[in-house]
Amino acid sequence: MKICVLGAGAWGTALAVNAAGRHPVTLWARDAAQAEAMSAARENQRYLPGIALPPSLTIRAGDALAALEGADLAIVATPMAALREQLVLLRDAAYPVAWLCKGVEPARADPGAVGLLGHEIQAVVAPDLMAGVLSGPSFAQEVAQGRPTALVAASLHTQLRDALVAAFHGPTLRVYANDDIVGVEVGGAVKNVLAIATGLADGLALGLNARAALITRGLAEMTRLGVALGARADTFMGLSGLGDLVLTATGDLSRNRKVGLLLAQGRTLAQAVDSLGHVAEGVYCARTVVQRARHLGVEMPIADSVVALLDGRVRPAEAVAELMGREPGVESG
């Protein structure tokens, strides 16, 4: 199987490295200078330093369609903000296409518009594409190092799910198939927002009880939004829901958690984001997640508090006090 990965960030590079031992893989970089540097050093020094690129991995830049020639599977490994552009490019592809980004596209300027998840963008710009998402609890560095990881391939198309399993399932990477793409994408997006909240709590030294409460109640928020959008509730107990939430909310490699930690230390949002050197999708999709929830009448108090914090309307301690000051409720939702 010939695989082309569009996007040479940390996650795209990690998957390309992982698959290159079993398949011919081309990794396409938007930046020609970055591609040249990676080819010379056989390492992605900017996004994944210390990981050697296998000799079998081809690095390309320039015309993306030329890099895709002869591909059996295309993987879009760009941030969420660039997904629409890539799907437009690929809309006539005869091969399966999957994306890796987790988030919600900002709402467009049209009156009443809401931010879209990846599968909703695809339905608008490339409705005939055989497409889906590869998601789940995964830090790029560990995947590139060959540490055991489990992911979920989600699509309405059996052929796409099978292609992702054939491409990436191997000795260190287990891939499960799921046809609930709505649930998988909601989990992947909302967990980033909740990880900011958990990082904030840890940065304020609120303790393990607070962390457990935030993760558990955050999972309930995620599930409510997903079900309102048509997902199955049981999806959120799987890899792309509980699994990805636990990893992103507690793992030291989590960029979204790091944002919360830095805000708790008194850094501004700009300072926190600039220090990462990578995209923290939770910062960019938090407002859109809350907007989508309000449009559906879904309560998401933790996400609301994260947005208030990111907008500078409350300070870290005030965000926590606001959550703890809510009226008593029942746990069943």
C-alpha atoms as a PDB file:
ATOM      1  CA  MET A   1       0.000   0.000   0.000  1.00  0.00           C
ATOM      2  CA  LYS A   2       1.400   3.394  -1.022  1.00  0.00           C
ATOM      3  CA  ILE A   3       0.637   6.078   1.586  1.00  0.00           C
ATOM      4  CA  CYS A   4       0.992   9.836   1.233  1.00  0.00           C
ATOM      5  CA  VAL A   5       0.927  11.973   4.391  1.00  0.00           C
ATOM      6  CA  LEU A   6       0.137  15.653   3.775  1.00  0.00           C
ATOM      7  CA  GLY A   7       1.678  17.687   6.568  1.00  0.00           C
ATOM      8  CA  ALA A   8       5.084  17.285   8.195  1.00  0.00           C
ATOM      9  CA  GLY A   9       4.255  18.367  11.734  1.00  0.00           C
ATOM     10  CA  ALA A  10       4.904  16.108  14.708  1.00  0.00           C
ATOM     11  CA  TRP A  11       1.891  13.812  14.269  1.00  0.00           C
ATOM     12  CA  GLY A  12       2.138  13.459  10.493  1.00  0.00           C
ATOM     13  CA  THR A  13       5.846  12.691  10.779  1.00  0.00           C
ATOM     14  CA  ALA A  14       5.283  10.174  13.576  1.00  0.00           C
ATOM     15  CA  LEU A  15       2.694   8.198  11.613  1.00  0.00           C
ATOM     16  CA  ALA A  16       4.849   8.304   8.492  1.00  0.00           C
ATOM     17  CA  VAL A  17       7.817   6.970  10.463  1.00  0.00           C
ATOM     18  CA  ASN A  18       5.706   4.241  12.044  1.00  0.00           C
ATOM     19  CA  ALA A  19       4.284   3.042   8.721  1.00  0.00           C
ATOM     20  CA  ALA A  20       7.435   3.384   6.610  1.00  0.00           C
ATOM     21  CA  GLY A  21       8.808   0.064   7.805  1.00  0.00           C
ATOM     22  CA  ARG A  22       5.851  -1.780   6.267  1.00  0.00           C
ATOM     23  CA  HIS A  23       4.699   0.412   3.353  1.00  0.00           C
ATOM     24  CA  PRO A  24       6.094   2.904   0.833  1.00  0.00           C
ATOM     25  CA  VAL A  25       5.368   6.283   2.466  1.00  0.00           C
ATOM     26  CA  THR A  26       5.724   9.827   1.137  1.00  0.00           C
ATOM     27  CA  LEU A  27       5.693  12.698   3.645  1.00  0.00           C
ATOM     28  CA  TRP A  28       4.749  16.017   2.037  1.00  0.00           C
ATOM     29  CA  ALA A  29       5.759  19.314   3.671  1.00  0.00           C
ATOM     30  CA  ARG A  30       4.145  22.635   2.757  1.00  0.00           C
ATOM     31  CA  ASP A  31       7.454  24.411   3.475  1.00  0.00           C
ATOM     32  CA  ALA A  32      10.109  23.528   0.873  1.00  0.00           C
ATOM     33  CA  ALA A  33      12.916  24.648   3.193  1.00  0.00           C
ATOM     34  CA  GLN A  34      11.636  22.341   5.928  1.00  0.00           C
ATOM     35  CA  ALA A  35      11.463  19.433   3.476  1.00  0.00           C
ATOM     36  CA  GLU A  36      15.022  20.094   2.345  1.00  0.00           C
ATOM     37  CA  ALA A  37      16.264  20.245   5.948  1.00  0.00           C
ATOM     38  CA  MET A  38      14.467  17.000   6.827  1.00  0.00           C
ATOM     39  CA  SER A  39      15.901  15.226   3.794  1.00  0.00           C
ATOM     40  CA  ALA A  40      19.428  16.377   4.638  1.00  0.00           C
ATOM     41  CA  ALA A  41      19.302  15.585   8.366  1.00  0.00           C
ATOM     42  CA  ARG A  42      16.920  12.598   8.091  1.00  0.00           C
ATOM     43  CA  GLU A  43      15.155  14.084  11.083  1.00  0.00           C
ATOM     44  CA  ASN A  44      12.295  16.521  11.677  1.00  0.00           C
ATOM     45  CA  GLN A  45      14.347  18.765  13.927  1.00  0.00           C
ATOM     46  CA  ARG A  46      11.590  21.349  14.261  1.00  0.00           C
ATOM     47  CA  TYR A  47       8.663  19.172  15.316  1.00  0.00           C
ATOM     48  CA  LEU A  48      10.070  15.751  16.272  1.00  0.00           C
ATOM     49  CA  PRO A  49      13.740  16.119  17.224  1.00  0.00           C
ATOM     50  CA  GLY A  50      15.710  13.004  18.024  1.00  0.00           C
ATOM     51  CA  ILE A  51      13.613  10.682  15.844  1.00  0.00           C
ATOM     52  CA  ALA A  52      15.482   9.292  12.828  1.00  0.00           C
ATOM     53  CA  LEU A  53      13.550   9.191   9.565  1.00  0.00           C
ATOM     54  CA  PRO A  54      13.794   5.728   7.957  1.00  0.00           C
ATOM     55  CA  PRO A  55      15.679   5.573   4.652  1.00  0.00           C
ATOM     56  CA  SER A  56      12.489   4.222   3.044  1.00  0.00           C
ATOM     57  CA  LEU A  57      10.542   7.413   3.901  1.00  0.00           C
ATOM     58  CA  THR A  58      10.373   9.855   0.969  1.00  0.00           C
ATOM     59  CA  ILE A  59      10.207  13.585   1.769  1.00  0.00           C
ATOM     60  CA  ARG A  60       8.488  15.856  -0.778  1.00  0.00           C
ATOM     61  CA  ALA A  61       7.450  19.491  -1.105  1.00  0.00           C
ATOM     62  CA  GLY A  62       5.961  21.593  -3.885  1.00  0.00           C
ATOM     63  CA  ASP A  63       2.937  20.277  -5.782  1.00  0.00           C
ATOM     64  CA  ALA A  64       0.882  18.166  -3.356  1.00  0.00           C
ATOM     65  CA  LEU A  65      -1.010  16.447  -6.166  1.00  0.00           C
ATOM     66  CA  ALA A  66       2.301  15.328  -7.664  1.00  0.00           C
ATOM     67  CA  ALA A  67       3.283  13.847  -4.304  1.00  0.00           C
ATOM     68  CA  LEU A  68      -0.055  11.993  -4.229  1.00  0.00           C
ATOM     69  CA  GLU A  69       0.425  10.363  -7.619  1.00  0.00           C
ATOM     70  CA  GLY A  70      -0.067   6.615  -7.356  1.00  0.00           C
ATOM     71  CA  ALA A  71      -1.252   6.791  -3.733  1.00  0.00           C
ATOM     72  CA  ASP A  72      -3.555   4.135  -2.303  1.00  0.00           C
ATOM     73  CA  LEU A  73      -4.306   6.198   0.811  1.00  0.00           C
ATOM     74  CA  ALA A  74      -3.956   9.910   1.644  1.00  0.00           C
ATOM     75  CA  ILE A  75      -3.565  11.162   5.216  1.00  0.00           C
ATOM     76  CA  VAL A  76      -4.213  14.828   5.965  1.00  0.00           C
ATOM     77  CA  ALA A  77      -1.957  15.752   8.888  1.00  0.00           C
ATOM     78  CA  THR A  78      -2.542  19.511   9.022  1.00  0.00           C
ATOM     79  CA  PRO A  79      -4.088  21.571  11.840  1.00  0.00           C
ATOM     80  CA  MET A  80      -7.878  21.889  11.774  1.00  0.00           C
ATOM     81  CA  ALA A  81      -7.678  25.344  10.208  1.00  0.00           C
ATOM     82  CA  ALA A  82      -6.179  23.857   7.027  1.00  0.00           C
ATOM     83  CA  LEU A  83      -8.452  20.816   6.673  1.00  0.00           C
ATOM     84  CA  ARG A  84     -10.991  22.487   4.378  1.00  0.00           C
ATOM     85  CA  GLU A  85      -8.265  23.533   1.940  1.00  0.00           C
ATOM     86  CA  GLN A  86      -6.826  20.022   1.817  1.00  0.00           C
ATOM     87  CA  LEU A  87     -10.220  18.381   1.314  1.00  0.00           C
ATOM     88  CA  VAL A  88     -10.940  20.738  -1.588  1.00  0.00           C
ATOM     89  CA  LEU A  89      -7.630  19.645  -3.112  1.00  0.00           C
ATOM     90  CA  LEU A  90      -8.547  15.971  -2.637  1.00  0.00           C
ATOM     91  CA  ARG A  91     -12.242  16.120  -3.491  1.00  0.00           C
ATOM     92  CA  ASP A  92     -11.885  14.108  -6.714  1.00  0.00           C
ATOM     93  CA  ALA A  93      -9.538  11.498  -5.252  1.00  0.00           C
ATOM     94  CA  ALA A  94     -10.281   7.909  -6.218  1.00  0.00           C
ATOM     95  CA  TYR A  95      -8.459   6.599  -3.133  1.00  0.00           C
ATOM     96  CA  PRO A  96      -9.482   6.784   0.556  1.00  0.00           C
ATOM     97  CA  VAL A  97      -8.657   9.950   2.511  1.00  0.00           C
ATOM     98  CA  ALA A  98      -8.382  10.344   6.284  1.00  0.00           C
ATOM     99  CA  TRP A  99      -7.495  13.284   8.499  1.00  0.00           C
ATOM    100  CA  LEU A 100      -5.718  13.361  11.845  1.00  0.00           C
ATOM    101  CA  CYS A 101      -6.703  16.799  13.198  1.00  0.00           C
ATOM    102  CA  LYS A 102      -8.914  17.061  16.266  1.00  0.00           C
ATOM    103  CA  GLY A 103     -10.998  20.172  16.672  1.00  0.00           C
ATOM    104  CA  VAL A 104     -13.792  22.327  15.295  1.00  0.00           C
ATOM    105  CA  GLU A 105     -13.419  24.756  12.428  1.00  0.00           C
ATOM    106  CA  PRO A 106     -14.231  28.363  13.404  1.00  0.00           C
ATOM    107  CA  ALA A 107     -17.711  29.470  12.346  1.00  0.00           C
ATOM    108  CA  ARG A 108     -17.806  31.133   8.964  1.00  0.00           C
ATOM    109  CA  ALA A 109     -19.103  34.669   8.487  1.00  0.00           C
ATOM    110  CA  ASP A 110     -22.593  33.616   7.347  1.00  0.00           C
ATOM    111  CA  PRO A 111     -25.424  34.615   9.733  1.00  0.00           C
ATOM    112  CA  GLY A 112     -26.337  31.727  12.016  1.00  0.00           C
ATOM    113  CA  ALA A 113     -23.321  29.646  10.961  1.00  0.00           C
ATOM    114  CA  VAL A 114     -21.715  27.283  13.473  1.00  0.00           C
ATOM    115  CA  GLY A 115     -18.244  25.768  13.541  1.00  0.00           C
ATOM    116  CA  LEU A 116     -17.945  22.421  11.789  1.00  0.00           C
ATOM    117  CA  LEU A 117     -16.281  19.141  12.693  1.00  0.00           C
ATOM    118  CA  GLY A 118     -14.091  17.449  10.108  1.00  0.00           C
ATOM    119  CA  HIS A 119     -16.743  15.130   8.698  1.00  0.00           C
ATOM    120  CA  GLU A 120     -19.131  18.089   8.364  1.00  0.00           C
ATOM    121  CA  ILE A 121     -16.540  20.072   6.411  1.00  0.00           C
ATOM    122  CA  GLN A 122     -16.014  17.072   4.147  1.00  0.00           C
ATOM    123  CA  ALA A 123     -19.769  16.754   3.565  1.00  0.00           C
ATOM    124  CA  VAL A 124     -19.788  20.361   2.313  1.00  0.00           C
ATOM    125  CA  VAL A 125     -16.641  20.530   0.155  1.00  0.00           C
ATOM    126  CA  ALA A 126     -16.030  16.904  -0.879  1.00  0.00           C
ATOM    127  CA  PRO A 127     -19.270  14.945  -0.389  1.00  0.00           C
ATOM    128  CA  ASP A 128     -18.305  12.102  -2.722  1.00  0.00           C
ATOM    129  CA  LEU A 129     -14.958  11.450  -1.038  1.00  0.00           C
ATOM    130  CA  MET A 130     -14.399   8.134   0.719  1.00  0.00           C
ATOM    131  CA  ALA A 131     -13.188   9.699   3.939  1.00  0.00           C
ATOM    132  CA  GLY A 132     -12.862   9.465   7.699  1.00  0.00           C
ATOM    133  CA  VAL A 133     -10.657  10.206  10.689  1.00  0.00           C
ATOM    134  CA  LEU A 134      -7.849   8.433  12.540  1.00  0.00           C
ATOM    135  CA  SER A 135      -8.022   9.463  16.187  1.00  0.00           C
ATOM    136  CA  GLY A 136      -7.463   8.283  19.738  1.00  0.00           C
ATOM    137  CA  PRO A 137      -5.027   8.679  22.660  1.00  0.00           C
ATOM    138  CA  SER A 138      -1.648   9.273  21.050  1.00  0.00           C
ATOM    139  CA  PHE A 139       1.384  11.462  21.604  1.00  0.00           C
ATOM    140  CA  ALA A 140       3.409  11.782  18.406  1.00  0.00           C
ATOM    141  CA  GLN A 141       6.721  11.225  20.136  1.00  0.00           C
ATOM    142  CA  GLU A 142       5.678   7.855  21.572  1.00  0.00           C
ATOM    143  CA  VAL A 143       4.237   6.638  18.264  1.00  0.00           C
ATOM    144  CA  ALA A 144       7.458   7.580  16.476  1.00  0.00           C
ATOM    145  CA  GLN A 145       9.461   5.759  19.144  1.00  0.00           C
ATOM    146  CA  GLY A 146       7.417   2.619  18.565  1.00  0.00           C
ATOM    147  CA  ARG A 147       5.784   2.584  21.980  1.00  0.00           C
ATOM    148  CA  PRO A 148       2.482   0.654  22.241  1.00  0.00           C
ATOM    149  CA  THR A 149      -0.486   2.779  21.129  1.00  0.00           C
ATOM    150  CA  ALA A 150      -4.119   2.132  20.203  1.00  0.00           C
ATOM    151  CA  LEU A 151      -6.082   4.300  17.764  1.00  0.00           C
ATOM    152  CA  VAL A 152      -9.552   4.291  16.235  1.00  0.00           C
ATOM    153  CA  ALA A 153     -10.340   4.510  12.516  1.00  0.00           C
ATOM    154  CA  ALA A 154     -13.761   6.115  12.143  1.00  0.00           C
ATOM    155  CA  SER A 155     -15.788   6.386   8.953  1.00  0.00           C
ATOM    156  CA  LEU A 156     -19.124   5.478   7.439  1.00  0.00           C
ATOM    157  CA  HIS A 157     -17.135   3.721   4.707  1.00  0.00           C
ATOM    158  CA  THR A 158     -16.001   0.172   5.465  1.00  0.00           C
ATOM    159  CA  GLN A 159     -13.314   0.436   2.781  1.00  0.00           C
ATOM    160  CA  LEU A 160     -11.768   3.491   4.456  1.00  0.00           C
ATOM    161  CA  ARG A 161     -11.760   1.833   7.877  1.00  0.00           C
ATOM    162  CA  ASP A 162     -10.155  -1.267   6.389  1.00  0.00           C
ATOM    163  CA  ALA A 163      -7.541   0.837   4.586  1.00  0.00           C
ATOM    164  CA  LEU A 164      -6.521   2.579   7.812  1.00  0.00           C
ATOM    165  CA  VAL A 165      -6.229  -0.729   9.635  1.00  0.00           C
ATOM    166  CA  ALA A 166      -4.136  -2.189   6.798  1.00  0.00           C
ATOM    167  CA  ALA A 167      -1.929   0.905   6.689  1.00  0.00           C
ATOM    168  CA  PHE A 168      -1.158   1.418  10.364  1.00  0.00           C
ATOM    169  CA  HIS A 169      -2.029  -1.684  12.384  1.00  0.00           C
ATOM    170  CA  GLY A 170       1.263  -3.286  13.342  1.00  0.00           C
ATOM    171  CA  PRO A 171       3.448  -4.597  16.162  1.00  0.00           C
ATOM    172  CA  THR A 172       3.327  -1.344  18.174  1.00  0.00           C
ATOM    173  CA  LEU A 173       0.175   0.326  16.846  1.00  0.00           C
ATOM    174  CA  ARG A 174      -3.267  -1.236  17.211  1.00  0.00           C
ATOM    175  CA  VAL A 175      -6.109   0.231  15.141  1.00  0.00           C
ATOM    176  CA  TYR A 176      -9.777  -0.370  15.980  1.00  0.00           C
ATOM    177  CA  ALA A 177     -12.572   0.347  13.479  1.00  0.00           C
ATOM    178  CA  ASN A 178     -15.650   2.422  14.390  1.00  0.00           C
ATOM    179  CA  ASP A 179     -18.508   3.717  12.251  1.00  0.00           C
ATOM    180  CA  ASP A 180     -19.507   6.474  14.719  1.00  0.00           C
ATOM    181  CA  ILE A 181     -17.474   9.277  13.157  1.00  0.00           C
ATOM    182  CA  VAL A 182     -19.568  11.917  14.961  1.00  0.00           C
ATOM    183  CA  GLY A 183     -18.684  10.535  18.377  1.00  0.00           C
ATOM    184  CA  VAL A 184     -15.028  10.033  17.535  1.00  0.00           C
ATOM    185  CA  GLU A 185     -14.675  13.596  16.264  1.00  0.00           C
ATOM    186  CA  VAL A 186     -16.543  15.169  19.186  1.00  0.00           C
ATOM    187  CA  GLY A 187     -14.298  13.282  21.605  1.00  0.00           C
ATOM    188  CA  GLY A 188     -11.168  14.379  19.782  1.00  0.00           C
ATOM    189  CA  ALA A 189     -12.230  18.019  19.823  1.00  0.00           C
ATOM    190  CA  VAL A 190     -13.689  18.439  23.289  1.00  0.00           C
ATOM    191  CA  LYS A 191     -10.932  16.590  25.165  1.00  0.00           C
ATOM    192  CA  ASN A 192      -8.509  19.375  24.185  1.00  0.00           C
ATOM    193  CA  VAL A 193     -10.717  21.997  25.845  1.00  0.00           C
ATOM    194  CA  LEU A 194     -11.106  19.879  28.983  1.00  0.00           C
ATOM    195  CA  ALA A 195      -7.337  19.306  29.153  1.00  0.00           C
ATOM    196  CA  ILE A 196      -6.835  23.064  29.520  1.00  0.00           C
ATOM    197  CA  ALA A 197      -9.159  22.983  32.543  1.00  0.00           C
ATOM    198  CA  THR A 198      -7.313  20.046  34.081  1.00  0.00           C
ATOM    199  CA  GLY A 199      -3.936  21.691  33.509  1.00  0.00           C
ATOM    200  CA  LEU A 200      -5.294  24.795  35.217  1.00  0.00           C
ATOM    201  CA  ALA A 201      -6.403  22.779  38.254  1.00  0.00           C
ATOM    202  CA  ASP A 202      -3.052  21.022  38.477  1.00  0.00           C
ATOM    203  CA  GLY A 203      -1.211  24.321  38.067  1.00  0.00           C
ATOM    204  CA  LEU A 204      -3.182  25.740  40.986  1.00  0.00           C
ATOM    205  CA  ALA A 205      -2.269  22.618  43.029  1.00  0.00           C
ATOM    206  CA  LEU A 206      -5.912  21.780  43.684  1.00  0.00           C
ATOM    207  CA  GLY A 207      -5.097  18.089  44.145  1.00  0.00           C
ATOM    208  CA  LEU A 208      -5.923  14.720  42.651  1.00  0.00           C
ATOM    209  CA  ASN A 209      -9.545  14.841  43.791  1.00  0.00           C
ATOM    210  CA  ALA A 210     -10.111  17.945  41.692  1.00  0.00           C
ATOM    211  CA  ARG A 211      -8.392  16.365  38.691  1.00  0.00           C
ATOM    212  CA  ALA A 212     -10.575  13.247  38.911  1.00  0.00           C
ATOM    213  CA  ALA A 213     -13.725  15.356  39.228  1.00  0.00           C
ATOM    214  CA  LEU A 214     -12.837  17.488  36.215  1.00  0.00           C
ATOM    215  CA  ILE A 215     -12.085  14.478  34.026  1.00  0.00           C
ATOM    216  CA  THR A 216     -15.279  12.698  35.055  1.00  0.00           C
ATOM    217  CA  ARG A 217     -17.587  15.677  34.709  1.00  0.00           C
ATOM    218  CA  GLY A 218     -15.773  16.669  31.530  1.00  0.00           C
ATOM    219  CA  LEU A 219     -16.552  13.266  30.070  1.00  0.00           C
ATOM    220  CA  ALA A 220     -20.231  13.881  30.875  1.00  0.00           C
ATOM    221  CA  GLU A 221     -20.095  17.237  29.027  1.00  0.00           C
ATOM    222  CA  MET A 222     -18.415  15.640  26.029  1.00  0.00           C
ATOM    223  CA  THR A 223     -21.022  12.874  25.923  1.00  0.00           C
ATOM    224  CA  ARG A 224     -23.971  15.288  26.150  1.00  0.00           C
ATOM    225  CA  LEU A 225     -22.692  17.305  23.209  1.00  0.00           C
ATOM    226  CA  GLY A 226     -21.919  14.208  21.165  1.00  0.00           C
ATOM    227  CA  VAL A 227     -25.327  12.620  21.705  1.00  0.00           C
ATOM    228  CA  ALA A 228     -27.011  15.912  20.781  1.00  0.00           C
ATOM    229  CA  LEU A 229     -25.072  15.825  17.503  1.00  0.00           C
ATOM    230  CA  GLY A 230     -26.134  12.246  16.778  1.00  0.00           C
ATOM    231  CA  ALA A 231     -23.292  10.210  18.283  1.00  0.00           C
ATOM    232  CA  ARG A 232     -23.651   7.015  20.274  1.00  0.00           C
ATOM    233  CA  ALA A 233     -23.095   7.420  24.008  1.00  0.00           C
ATOM    234  CA  ASP A 234     -20.935   4.288  24.227  1.00  0.00           C
ATOM    235  CA  THR A 235     -18.355   5.786  21.857  1.00  0.00           C
ATOM    236  CA  PHE A 236     -17.282   8.153  24.648  1.00  0.00           C
ATOM    237  CA  MET A 237     -16.251   5.219  26.826  1.00  0.00           C
ATOM    238  CA  GLY A 238     -13.763   4.189  24.138  1.00  0.00           C
ATOM    239  CA  LEU A 239     -10.386   5.298  22.828  1.00  0.00           C
ATOM    240  CA  SER A 240     -11.483   8.598  21.293  1.00  0.00           C
ATOM    241  CA  GLY A 241     -13.525   9.608  24.336  1.00  0.00           C
ATOM    242  CA  LEU A 242     -12.336   8.508  27.773  1.00  0.00           C
ATOM    243  CA  GLY A 243      -8.998   7.264  26.440  1.00  0.00           C
ATOM    244  CA  ASP A 244      -7.987  10.467  24.691  1.00  0.00           C
ATOM    245  CA  LEU A 245      -9.371  12.621  27.511  1.00  0.00           C
ATOM    246  CA  VAL A 246      -7.324  10.854  30.186  1.00  0.00           C
ATOM    247  CA  LEU A 247      -4.148  11.053  28.111  1.00  0.00           C
ATOM    248  CA  THR A 248      -4.507  14.709  27.156  1.00  0.00           C
ATOM    249  CA  ALA A 249      -5.662  15.835  30.594  1.00  0.00           C
ATOM    250  CA  THR A 250      -2.889  14.087  32.548  1.00  0.00           C
ATOM    251  CA  GLY A 251       0.052  13.495  30.194  1.00  0.00           C
ATOM    252  CA  ASP A 252       3.106  15.721  30.471  1.00  0.00           C
ATOM    253  CA  LEU A 253       3.447  15.763  26.662  1.00  0.00           C
ATOM    254  CA  SER A 254      -0.007  17.354  26.274  1.00  0.00           C
ATOM    255  CA  ARG A 255       0.157  20.850  24.771  1.00  0.00           C
ATOM    256  CA  ASN A 256      -3.396  21.703  25.882  1.00  0.00           C
ATOM    257  CA  ARG A 257      -2.678  20.659  29.465  1.00  0.00           C
ATOM    258  CA  LYS A 258       0.485  22.778  29.304  1.00  0.00           C
ATOM    259  CA  VAL A 259      -1.589  25.829  28.359  1.00  0.00           C
ATOM    260  CA  GLY A 260      -3.656  25.383  31.528  1.00  0.00           C
ATOM    261  CA  LEU A 261      -0.528  24.953  33.645  1.00  0.00           C
ATOM    262  CA  LEU A 262       1.015  28.129  32.228  1.00  0.00           C
ATOM    263  CA  LEU A 263      -2.161  30.163  32.716  1.00  0.00           C
ATOM    264  CA  ALA A 264      -2.236  29.036  36.340  1.00  0.00           C
ATOM    265  CA  GLN A 265       1.323  30.374  36.691  1.00  0.00           C
ATOM    266  CA  GLY A 266       0.162  33.802  35.591  1.00  0.00           C
ATOM    267  CA  ARG A 267       1.254  33.687  31.952  1.00  0.00           C
ATOM    268  CA  THR A 268      -0.936  35.423  29.417  1.00  0.00           C
ATOM    269  CA  LEU A 269      -2.620  33.310  26.765  1.00  0.00           C
ATOM    270  CA  ALA A 270      -0.266  34.725  24.114  1.00  0.00           C
ATOM    271  CA  GLN A 271       2.771  33.840  26.216  1.00  0.00           C
ATOM    272  CA  ALA A 272       1.463  30.332  26.865  1.00  0.00           C
ATOM    273  CA  VAL A 273       0.760  29.631  23.187  1.00  0.00           C
ATOM    274  CA  ASP A 274       4.037  31.142  21.987  1.00  0.00           C
ATOM    275  CA  SER A 275       6.037  28.956  24.365  1.00  0.00           C
ATOM    276  CA  LEU A 276       4.650  25.722  22.893  1.00  0.00           C
ATOM    277  CA  GLY A 277       6.069  25.913  19.379  1.00  0.00           C
ATOM    278  CA  HIS A 278       3.129  23.719  18.253  1.00  0.00           C
ATOM    279  CA  VAL A 279      -0.605  24.188  17.787  1.00  0.00           C
ATOM    280  CA  ALA A 280      -2.776  23.631  20.883  1.00  0.00           C
ATOM    281  CA  GLU A 281      -6.135  22.931  19.234  1.00  0.00           C
ATOM    282  CA  GLY A 282      -8.102  23.437  22.452  1.00  0.00           C
ATOM    283  CA  VAL A 283      -7.239  27.134  22.453  1.00  0.00           C
ATOM    284  CA  TYR A 284      -8.635  27.566  18.950  1.00  0.00           C
ATOM    285  CA  CYS A 285     -11.758  25.423  19.211  1.00  0.00           C
ATOM    286  CA  ALA A 286     -12.954  26.123  22.768  1.00  0.00           C
ATOM    287  CA  ARG A 287     -15.177  29.033  21.767  1.00  0.00           C
ATOM    288  CA  THR A 288     -16.584  27.097  18.824  1.00  0.00           C
ATOM    289  CA  VAL A 289     -17.345  24.074  21.007  1.00  0.00           C
ATOM    290  CA  VAL A 290     -19.237  26.282  23.463  1.00  0.00           C
ATOM    291  CA  GLN A 291     -21.042  28.066  20.629  1.00  0.00           C
ATOM    292  CA  ARG A 292     -22.116  24.712  19.179  1.00  0.00           C
ATOM    293  CA  ALA A 293     -23.301  23.513  22.588  1.00  0.00           C
ATOM    294  CA  ARG A 294     -25.368  26.645  23.180  1.00  0.00           C
ATOM    295  CA  HIS A 295     -26.903  26.328  19.726  1.00  0.00           C
ATOM    296  CA  LEU A 296     -28.077  22.842  20.738  1.00  0.00           C
ATOM    297  CA  GLY A 297     -29.088  23.794  24.275  1.00  0.00           C
ATOM    298  CA  VAL A 298     -26.376  21.591  25.827  1.00  0.00           C
ATOM    299  CA  GLU A 299     -24.852  22.615  29.161  1.00  0.00           C
ATOM    300  CA  MET A 300     -21.028  22.561  29.256  1.00  0.00           C
ATOM    301  CA  PRO A 301     -19.979  24.489  32.382  1.00  0.00           C
ATOM    302  CA  ILE A 302     -16.336  23.375  32.324  1.00  0.00           C
ATOM    303  CA  ALA A 303     -15.926  24.383  28.692  1.00  0.00           C
ATOM    304  CA  ASP A 304     -17.718  27.676  29.468  1.00  0.00           C
ATOM    305  CA  SER A 305     -15.180  28.403  32.208  1.00  0.00           C
ATOM    306  CA  VAL A 306     -12.275  27.618  29.886  1.00  0.00           C
ATOM    307  CA  VAL A 307     -13.603  30.096  27.317  1.00  0.00           C
ATOM    308  CA  ALA A 308     -14.054  32.785  29.985  1.00  0.00           C
ATOM    309  CA  LEU A 309     -10.451  32.196  31.062  1.00  0.00           C
ATOM    310  CA  LEU A 310      -9.074  32.278  27.507  1.00  0.00           C
ATOM    311  CA  ASP A 311     -11.031  35.482  26.799  1.00  0.00           C
ATOM    312  CA  GLY A 312      -9.579  37.116  29.912  1.00  0.00           C
ATOM    313  CA  ARG A 313     -12.987  37.566  31.554  1.00  0.00           C
ATOM    314  CA  VAL A 314     -11.940  35.628  34.665  1.00  0.00           C
ATOM    315  CA  ARG A 315      -8.654  34.846  36.385  1.00  0.00           C
ATOM    316  CA  PRO A 316      -7.609  31.210  37.036  1.00  0.00           C
ATOM    317  CA  ALA A 317      -8.807  31.110  40.648  1.00  0.00           C
ATOM    318  CA  GLU A 318     -12.085  32.772  39.668  1.00  0.00           C
ATOM    319  CA  ALA A 319     -12.726  30.121  36.999  1.00  0.00           C
ATOM    320  CA  VAL A 320     -12.404  27.391  39.638  1.00  0.00           C
ATOM    321  CA  ALA A 321     -14.581  29.278  42.124  1.00  0.00           C
ATOM    322  CA  GLU A 322     -17.233  29.693  39.441  1.00  0.00           C
ATOM    323  CA  LEU A 323     -17.363  25.940  38.847  1.00  0.00           C
ATOM    324  CA  MET A 324     -17.431  25.079  42.551  1.00  0.00           C
ATOM    325  CA  GLY A 325     -20.167  27.664  43.165  1.00  0.00           C
ATOM    326  CA  ARG A 326     -22.677  26.068  40.813  1.00  0.00           C
ATOM    327  CA  GLU A 327     -25.981  24.824  42.228  1.00  0.00           C
ATOM    328  CA  PRO A 328     -26.092  21.172  43.377  1.00  0.00           C
ATOM    329  CA  GLY A 329     -27.183  18.658  40.766  1.00  0.00           C
ATOM    330  CA  VAL A 330     -27.562  14.958  40.087  1.00  0.00           C
ATOM    331  CA  GLU A 331     -24.800  12.869  38.494  1.00  0.00           C
ATOM    332  CA  SER A 332     -26.859  11.195  35.802  1.00  0.00           C
ATOM    333  CA  GLY A 333     -25.959  13.659  33.069  1.00  0.00           C
END
